[in-house]
Amino acid sequence: MINAFLLTNQKMISGHIDCTFSGTTCVSMFLKNRKIYTANVGDSRIVIYNCKNGNWTAKPLSIDHKPNLPAE
């Protein structure tokens, strides 16, 4: 997934697309061998919902990328 994100960025740059001020985001997820893999760029988030006995719960699987986060 990292390579796919990097390749997309490289193709945008080589296609002379200035993505400096773009607002594009991407959120991706796939399931393999009962494991969930996620990746996101920009202010996006993956949330999984579960229903037990008619009660729904939500669990974030990724976090938003925001400039005010210390890790950013």
PDB file of N, CA and C in Angstrom:
ATOM      1  N   MET A   1       0.829  -1.181   0.000  1.00  0.00           N
ATOM      2  CA  MET A   1       0.000   0.000   0.000  1.00  0.00           C
ATOM      3  C   MET A   1       0.879   1.253   0.000  1.00  0.00           C
ATOM      4  N   ILE A   2       1.997   1.188   0.721  1.00  0.00           N
ATOM      5  CA  ILE A   2       2.914   2.337   0.723  1.00  0.00           C
ATOM      6  C   ILE A   2       3.431   2.578  -0.690  1.00  0.00           C
ATOM      7  N   ASN A   3       3.850   1.503  -1.356  1.00  0.00           N
ATOM      8  CA  ASN A   3       4.362   1.650  -2.720  1.00  0.00           C
ATOM      9  C   ASN A   3       3.312   2.211  -3.666  1.00  0.00           C
ATOM     10  N   ALA A   4       2.060   1.814  -3.505  1.00  0.00           N
ATOM     11  CA  ALA A   4       0.986   2.331  -4.360  1.00  0.00           C
ATOM     12  C   ALA A   4       0.804   3.827  -4.141  1.00  0.00           C
ATOM     13  N   PHE A   5       0.864   4.274  -2.897  1.00  0.00           N
ATOM     14  CA  PHE A   5       0.735   5.707  -2.609  1.00  0.00           C
ATOM     15  C   PHE A   5       1.909   6.476  -3.201  1.00  0.00           C
ATOM     16  N   LEU A   6       3.130   5.945  -3.035  1.00  0.00           N
ATOM     17  CA  LEU A   6       4.310   6.618  -3.571  1.00  0.00           C
ATOM     18  C   LEU A   6       4.286   6.667  -5.094  1.00  0.00           C
ATOM     19  N   LEU A   7       3.898   5.560  -5.726  1.00  0.00           N
ATOM     20  CA  LEU A   7       3.817   5.524  -7.181  1.00  0.00           C
ATOM     21  C   LEU A   7       2.795   6.526  -7.710  1.00  0.00           C
ATOM     22  N   THR A   8       1.670   6.615  -7.053  1.00  0.00           N
ATOM     23  CA  THR A   8       0.646   7.587  -7.454  1.00  0.00           C
ATOM     24  C   THR A   8       1.201   9.000  -7.369  1.00  0.00           C
ATOM     25  N   ASN A   9       1.894   9.307  -6.286  1.00  0.00           N
ATOM     26  CA  ASN A   9       2.483  10.635  -6.129  1.00  0.00           C
ATOM     27  C   ASN A   9       3.516  10.916  -7.217  1.00  0.00           C
ATOM     28  N   GLN A  10       4.368   9.931  -7.504  1.00  0.00           N
ATOM     29  CA  GLN A  10       5.381  10.101  -8.544  1.00  0.00           C
ATOM     30  C   GLN A  10       4.740  10.350  -9.905  1.00  0.00           C
ATOM     31  N   LYS A  11       3.670   9.623 -10.215  1.00  0.00           N
ATOM     32  CA  LYS A  11       2.994   9.793 -11.503  1.00  0.00           C
ATOM     33  C   LYS A  11       2.333  11.156 -11.597  1.00  0.00           C
ATOM     34  N   MET A  12       1.804  11.650 -10.490  1.00  0.00           N
ATOM     35  CA  MET A  12       1.208  12.989 -10.496  1.00  0.00           C
ATOM     36  C   MET A  12       2.274  14.038 -10.783  1.00  0.00           C
ATOM     37  N   ILE A  13       3.432  13.908 -10.118  1.00  0.00           N
ATOM     38  CA  ILE A  13       4.510  14.868 -10.315  1.00  0.00           C
ATOM     39  C   ILE A  13       5.049  14.791 -11.742  1.00  0.00           C
ATOM     40  N   SER A  14       5.266  13.579 -12.247  1.00  0.00           N
ATOM     41  CA  SER A  14       5.799  13.431 -13.611  1.00  0.00           C
ATOM     42  C   SER A  14       4.777  13.879 -14.657  1.00  0.00           C
ATOM     43  N   GLY A  15       3.517  13.914 -14.300  1.00  0.00           N
ATOM     44  CA  GLY A  15       2.471  14.406 -15.196  1.00  0.00           C
ATOM     45  C   GLY A  15       2.268  15.904 -15.063  1.00  0.00           C
ATOM     46  N   HIS A  16       3.195  16.549 -14.336  1.00  0.00           N
ATOM     47  CA  HIS A  16       3.186  17.999 -14.158  1.00  0.00           C
ATOM     48  C   HIS A  16       1.933  18.487 -13.437  1.00  0.00           C
ATOM     49  N   ILE A  17       1.490  17.727 -12.452  1.00  0.00           N
ATOM     50  CA  ILE A  17       0.369  18.141 -11.619  1.00  0.00           C
ATOM     51  C   ILE A  17       0.937  18.680 -10.312  1.00  0.00           C
ATOM     52  N   ASP A  18       0.661  19.952 -10.040  1.00  0.00           N
ATOM     53  CA  ASP A  18       1.133  20.568  -8.805  1.00  0.00           C
ATOM     54  C   ASP A  18       0.159  20.202  -7.687  1.00  0.00           C
ATOM     55  N   CYS A  19       0.579  19.271  -6.829  1.00  0.00           N
ATOM     56  CA  CYS A  19      -0.306  18.810  -5.760  1.00  0.00           C
ATOM     57  C   CYS A  19       0.005  19.503  -4.431  1.00  0.00           C
ATOM     58  N   THR A  20       0.766  20.594  -4.485  1.00  0.00           N
ATOM     59  CA  THR A  20       1.149  21.316  -3.276  1.00  0.00           C
ATOM     60  C   THR A  20      -0.063  21.760  -2.473  1.00  0.00           C
ATOM     61  N   PHE A  21      -1.059  22.290  -3.140  1.00  0.00           N
ATOM     62  CA  PHE A  21      -2.225  22.814  -2.444  1.00  0.00           C
ATOM     63  C   PHE A  21      -3.493  22.017  -2.750  1.00  0.00           C
ATOM     64  N   SER A  22      -3.329  20.766  -3.122  1.00  0.00           N
ATOM     65  CA  SER A  22      -4.508  19.955  -3.444  1.00  0.00           C
ATOM     66  C   SER A  22      -5.229  19.547  -2.168  1.00  0.00           C
ATOM     67  N   GLY A  23      -6.505  19.243  -2.292  1.00  0.00           N
ATOM     68  CA  GLY A  23      -7.300  18.820  -1.160  1.00  0.00           C
ATOM     69  C   GLY A  23      -7.664  17.351  -1.238  1.00  0.00           C
ATOM     70  N   THR A  24      -6.954  16.604  -2.035  1.00  0.00           N
ATOM     71  CA  THR A  24      -7.287  15.200  -2.255  1.00  0.00           C
ATOM     72  C   THR A  24      -6.907  14.357  -1.045  1.00  0.00           C
ATOM     73  N   THR A  25      -7.773  13.414  -0.737  1.00  0.00           N
ATOM     74  CA  THR A  25      -7.480  12.455   0.327  1.00  0.00           C
ATOM     75  C   THR A  25      -7.725  11.050  -0.209  1.00  0.00           C
ATOM     76  N   CYS A  26      -7.162  10.076   0.481  1.00  0.00           N
ATOM     77  CA  CYS A  26      -7.378   8.686   0.097  1.00  0.00           C
ATOM     78  C   CYS A  26      -7.378   7.846   1.356  1.00  0.00           C
ATOM     79  N   VAL A  27      -8.296   6.926   1.409  1.00  0.00           N
ATOM     80  CA  VAL A  27      -8.338   5.978   2.510  1.00  0.00           C
ATOM     81  C   VAL A  27      -8.529   4.592   1.906  1.00  0.00           C
ATOM     82  N   SER A  28      -7.696   3.636   2.339  1.00  0.00           N
ATOM     83  CA  SER A  28      -7.707   2.300   1.751  1.00  0.00           C
ATOM     84  C   SER A  28      -7.719   1.252   2.857  1.00  0.00           C
ATOM     85  N   MET A  29      -8.328   0.105   2.539  1.00  0.00           N
ATOM     86  CA  MET A  29      -8.379  -0.992   3.484  1.00  0.00           C
ATOM     87  C   MET A  29      -8.507  -2.287   2.710  1.00  0.00           C
ATOM     88  N   PHE A  30      -7.814  -3.314   3.186  1.00  0.00           N
ATOM     89  CA  PHE A  30      -8.070  -4.647   2.644  1.00  0.00           C
ATOM     90  C   PHE A  30      -7.924  -5.677   3.753  1.00  0.00           C
ATOM     91  N   LEU A  31      -8.583  -6.791   3.550  1.00  0.00           N
ATOM     92  CA  LEU A  31      -8.634  -7.872   4.530  1.00  0.00           C
ATOM     93  C   LEU A  31      -7.917  -9.078   3.935  1.00  0.00           C
ATOM     94  N   LYS A  32      -6.958  -9.631   4.698  1.00  0.00           N
ATOM     95  CA  LYS A  32      -6.227 -10.807   4.241  1.00  0.00           C
ATOM     96  C   LYS A  32      -5.928 -11.686   5.450  1.00  0.00           C
ATOM     97  N   ASN A  33      -6.323 -12.938   5.359  1.00  0.00           N
ATOM     98  CA  ASN A  33      -6.074 -13.903   6.441  1.00  0.00           C
ATOM     99  C   ASN A  33      -6.555 -13.372   7.796  1.00  0.00           C
ATOM    100  N   ARG A  34      -7.756 -12.816   7.783  1.00  0.00           N
ATOM    101  CA  ARG A  34      -8.407 -12.311   8.997  1.00  0.00           C
ATOM    102  C   ARG A  34      -7.685 -11.136   9.630  1.00  0.00           C
ATOM    103  N   LYS A  35      -6.814 -10.459   8.876  1.00  0.00           N
ATOM    104  CA  LYS A  35      -6.154  -9.235   9.333  1.00  0.00           C
ATOM    105  C   LYS A  35      -6.618  -8.088   8.445  1.00  0.00           C
ATOM    106  N   ILE A  36      -6.812  -6.931   9.060  1.00  0.00           N
ATOM    107  CA  ILE A  36      -7.223  -5.732   8.334  1.00  0.00           C
ATOM    108  C   ILE A  36      -6.015  -4.821   8.191  1.00  0.00           C
ATOM    109  N   TYR A  37      -5.748  -4.387   6.973  1.00  0.00           N
ATOM    110  CA  TYR A  37      -4.663  -3.458   6.677  1.00  0.00           C
ATOM    111  C   TYR A  37      -5.283  -2.147   6.201  1.00  0.00           C
ATOM    112  N   THR A  38      -4.806  -1.026   6.759  1.00  0.00           N
ATOM    113  CA  THR A  38      -5.347   0.270   6.375  1.00  0.00           C
ATOM    114  C   THR A  38      -4.224   1.237   6.032  1.00  0.00           C
ATOM    115  N   ALA A  39      -4.555   2.208   5.212  1.00  0.00           N
ATOM    116  CA  ALA A  39      -3.641   3.302   4.887  1.00  0.00           C
ATOM    117  C   ALA A  39      -4.488   4.512   4.539  1.00  0.00           C
ATOM    118  N   ASN A  40      -3.995   5.680   4.924  1.00  0.00           N
ATOM    119  CA  ASN A  40      -4.712   6.891   4.545  1.00  0.00           C
ATOM    120  C   ASN A  40      -3.760   8.048   4.358  1.00  0.00           C
ATOM    121  N   VAL A  41      -4.172   8.964   3.515  1.00  0.00           N
ATOM    122  CA  VAL A  41      -3.448  10.199   3.246  1.00  0.00           C
ATOM    123  C   VAL A  41      -4.458  11.317   3.338  1.00  0.00           C
ATOM    124  N   GLY A  42      -4.110  12.348   4.052  1.00  0.00           N
ATOM    125  CA  GLY A  42      -5.023  13.477   4.172  1.00  0.00           C
ATOM    126  C   GLY A  42      -6.011  13.275   5.303  1.00  0.00           C
ATOM    127  N   ASP A  43      -6.972  14.147   5.355  1.00  0.00           N
ATOM    128  CA  ASP A  43      -7.961  14.174   6.432  1.00  0.00           C
ATOM    129  C   ASP A  43      -9.059  13.161   6.145  1.00  0.00           C
ATOM    130  N   SER A  44      -8.721  11.883   6.287  1.00  0.00           N
ATOM    131  CA  SER A  44      -9.647  10.780   6.017  1.00  0.00           C
ATOM    132  C   SER A  44      -9.532   9.760   7.139  1.00  0.00           C
ATOM    133  N   ARG A  45     -10.549   8.941   7.280  1.00  0.00           N
ATOM    134  CA  ARG A  45     -10.521   7.926   8.327  1.00  0.00           C
ATOM    135  C   ARG A  45     -11.350   6.721   7.900  1.00  0.00           C
ATOM    136  N   ILE A  46     -10.895   5.525   8.303  1.00  0.00           N
ATOM    137  CA  ILE A  46     -11.663   4.297   8.103  1.00  0.00           C
ATOM    138  C   ILE A  46     -12.305   3.940   9.441  1.00  0.00           C
ATOM    139  N   VAL A  47     -13.591   3.665   9.400  1.00  0.00           N
ATOM    140  CA  VAL A  47     -14.326   3.263  10.595  1.00  0.00           C
ATOM    141  C   VAL A  47     -15.031   1.952  10.280  1.00  0.00           C
ATOM    142  N   ILE A  48     -14.931   0.992  11.198  1.00  0.00           N
ATOM    143  CA  ILE A  48     -15.646  -0.270  11.033  1.00  0.00           C
ATOM    144  C   ILE A  48     -16.800  -0.280  12.041  1.00  0.00           C
ATOM    145  N   TYR A  49     -17.933  -0.761  11.571  1.00  0.00           N
ATOM    146  CA  TYR A  49     -19.116  -0.843  12.424  1.00  0.00           C
ATOM    147  C   TYR A  49     -19.424  -2.304  12.707  1.00  0.00           C
ATOM    148  N   ASN A  50     -19.904  -2.566  13.922  1.00  0.00           N
ATOM    149  CA  ASN A  50     -20.251  -3.914  14.334  1.00  0.00           C
ATOM    150  C   ASN A  50     -21.626  -3.870  14.994  1.00  0.00           C
ATOM    151  N   CYS A  51     -22.434  -4.884  14.740  1.00  0.00           N
ATOM    152  CA  CYS A  51     -23.757  -4.957  15.348  1.00  0.00           C
ATOM    153  C   CYS A  51     -23.872  -6.260  16.135  1.00  0.00           C
ATOM    154  N   LYS A  52     -24.098  -6.131  17.437  1.00  0.00           N
ATOM    155  CA  LYS A  52     -24.345  -7.284  18.301  1.00  0.00           C
ATOM    156  C   LYS A  52     -25.670  -7.059  19.013  1.00  0.00           C
ATOM    157  N   ASN A  53     -26.574  -7.997  18.821  1.00  0.00           N
ATOM    158  CA  ASN A  53     -27.881  -7.934  19.473  1.00  0.00           C
ATOM    159  C   ASN A  53     -28.599  -6.613  19.209  1.00  0.00           C
ATOM    160  N   GLY A  54     -28.452  -6.088  18.001  1.00  0.00           N
ATOM    161  CA  GLY A  54     -29.131  -4.852  17.636  1.00  0.00           C
ATOM    162  C   GLY A  54     -28.426  -3.585  18.086  1.00  0.00           C
ATOM    163  N   ASN A  55     -27.289  -3.707  18.754  1.00  0.00           N
ATOM    164  CA  ASN A  55     -26.525  -2.532  19.208  1.00  0.00           C
ATOM    165  C   ASN A  55     -25.317  -2.321  18.302  1.00  0.00           C
ATOM    166  N   TRP A  56     -25.258  -1.159  17.685  1.00  0.00           N
ATOM    167  CA  TRP A  56     -24.162  -0.832  16.778  1.00  0.00           C
ATOM    168  C   TRP A  56     -23.046  -0.119  17.529  1.00  0.00           C
ATOM    169  N   THR A  57     -21.814  -0.484  17.219  1.00  0.00           N
ATOM    170  CA  THR A  57     -20.644   0.215  17.747  1.00  0.00           C
ATOM    171  C   THR A  57     -19.722   0.556  16.586  1.00  0.00           C
ATOM    172  N   ALA A  58     -18.990   1.642  16.735  1.00  0.00           N
ATOM    173  CA  ALA A  58     -18.044   2.081  15.709  1.00  0.00           C
ATOM    174  C   ALA A  58     -16.635   2.065  16.289  1.00  0.00           C
ATOM    175  N   LYS A  59     -15.681   1.631  15.469  1.00  0.00           N
ATOM    176  CA  LYS A  59     -14.287   1.610  15.896  1.00  0.00           C
ATOM    177  C   LYS A  59     -13.434   2.190  14.772  1.00  0.00           C
ATOM    178  N   PRO A  60     -12.711   3.293  15.022  1.00  0.00           N
ATOM    179  CA  PRO A  60     -11.821   3.834  13.995  1.00  0.00           C
ATOM    180  C   PRO A  60     -10.659   2.876  13.744  1.00  0.00           C
ATOM    181  N   LEU A  61     -10.325   2.653  12.485  1.00  0.00           N
ATOM    182  CA  LEU A  61      -9.182   1.803  12.128  1.00  0.00           C
ATOM    183  C   LEU A  61      -7.983   2.630  11.680  1.00  0.00           C
ATOM    184  N   SER A  62      -8.187   3.914  11.487  1.00  0.00           N
ATOM    185  CA  SER A  62      -7.091   4.810  11.126  1.00  0.00           C
ATOM    186  C   SER A  62      -7.363   6.163  11.770  1.00  0.00           C
ATOM    187  N   ILE A  63      -6.364   7.034  11.747  1.00  0.00           N
ATOM    188  CA  ILE A  63      -6.546   8.381  12.295  1.00  0.00           C
ATOM    189  C   ILE A  63      -6.427   9.407  11.179  1.00  0.00           C
ATOM    190  N   ASP A  64      -7.061  10.555  11.388  1.00  0.00           N
ATOM    191  CA  ASP A  64      -6.958  11.651  10.426  1.00  0.00           C
ATOM    192  C   ASP A  64      -5.541  12.222  10.474  1.00  0.00           C
ATOM    193  N   HIS A  65      -5.032  12.623   9.334  1.00  0.00           N
ATOM    194  CA  HIS A  65      -3.762  13.349   9.274  1.00  0.00           C
ATOM    195  C   HIS A  65      -4.107  14.825   9.360  1.00  0.00           C
ATOM    196  N   LYS A  66      -3.673  15.471  10.423  1.00  0.00           N
ATOM    197  CA  LYS A  66      -3.963  16.887  10.621  1.00  0.00           C
ATOM    198  C   LYS A  66      -2.659  17.613  10.972  1.00  0.00           C
ATOM    199  N   PRO A  67      -2.481  18.824  10.459  1.00  0.00           N
ATOM    200  CA  PRO A  67      -1.230  19.530  10.686  1.00  0.00           C
ATOM    201  C   PRO A  67      -0.971  19.901  12.145  1.00  0.00           C
ATOM    202  N   ASN A  68      -2.007  19.916  12.993  1.00  0.00           N
ATOM    203  CA  ASN A  68      -1.791  20.286  14.380  1.00  0.00           C
ATOM    204  C   ASN A  68      -1.419  19.087  15.273  1.00  0.00           C
ATOM    205  N   LEU A  69      -1.301  17.893  14.712  1.00  0.00           N
ATOM    206  CA  LEU A  69      -0.890  16.728  15.483  1.00  0.00           C
ATOM    207  C   LEU A  69       0.641  16.729  15.639  1.00  0.00           C
ATOM    208  N   PRO A  70       1.143  16.464  16.828  1.00  0.00           N
ATOM    209  CA  PRO A  70       2.605  16.464  17.031  1.00  0.00           C
ATOM    210  C   PRO A  70       3.346  15.514  16.081  1.00  0.00           C
ATOM    211  N   ALA A  71       2.746  14.367  15.745  1.00  0.00           N
ATOM    212  CA  ALA A  71       3.405  13.405  14.860  1.00  0.00           C
ATOM    213  C   ALA A  71       3.529  13.924  13.432  1.00  0.00           C
ATOM    214  N   GLU A  72       2.707  14.903  13.082  1.00  0.00           N
ATOM    215  CA  GLU A  72       2.777  15.468  11.731  1.00  0.00           C
ATOM    216  C   GLU A  72       3.935  16.425  11.661  1.00  0.00           C
TER     217      GLU A  72
END
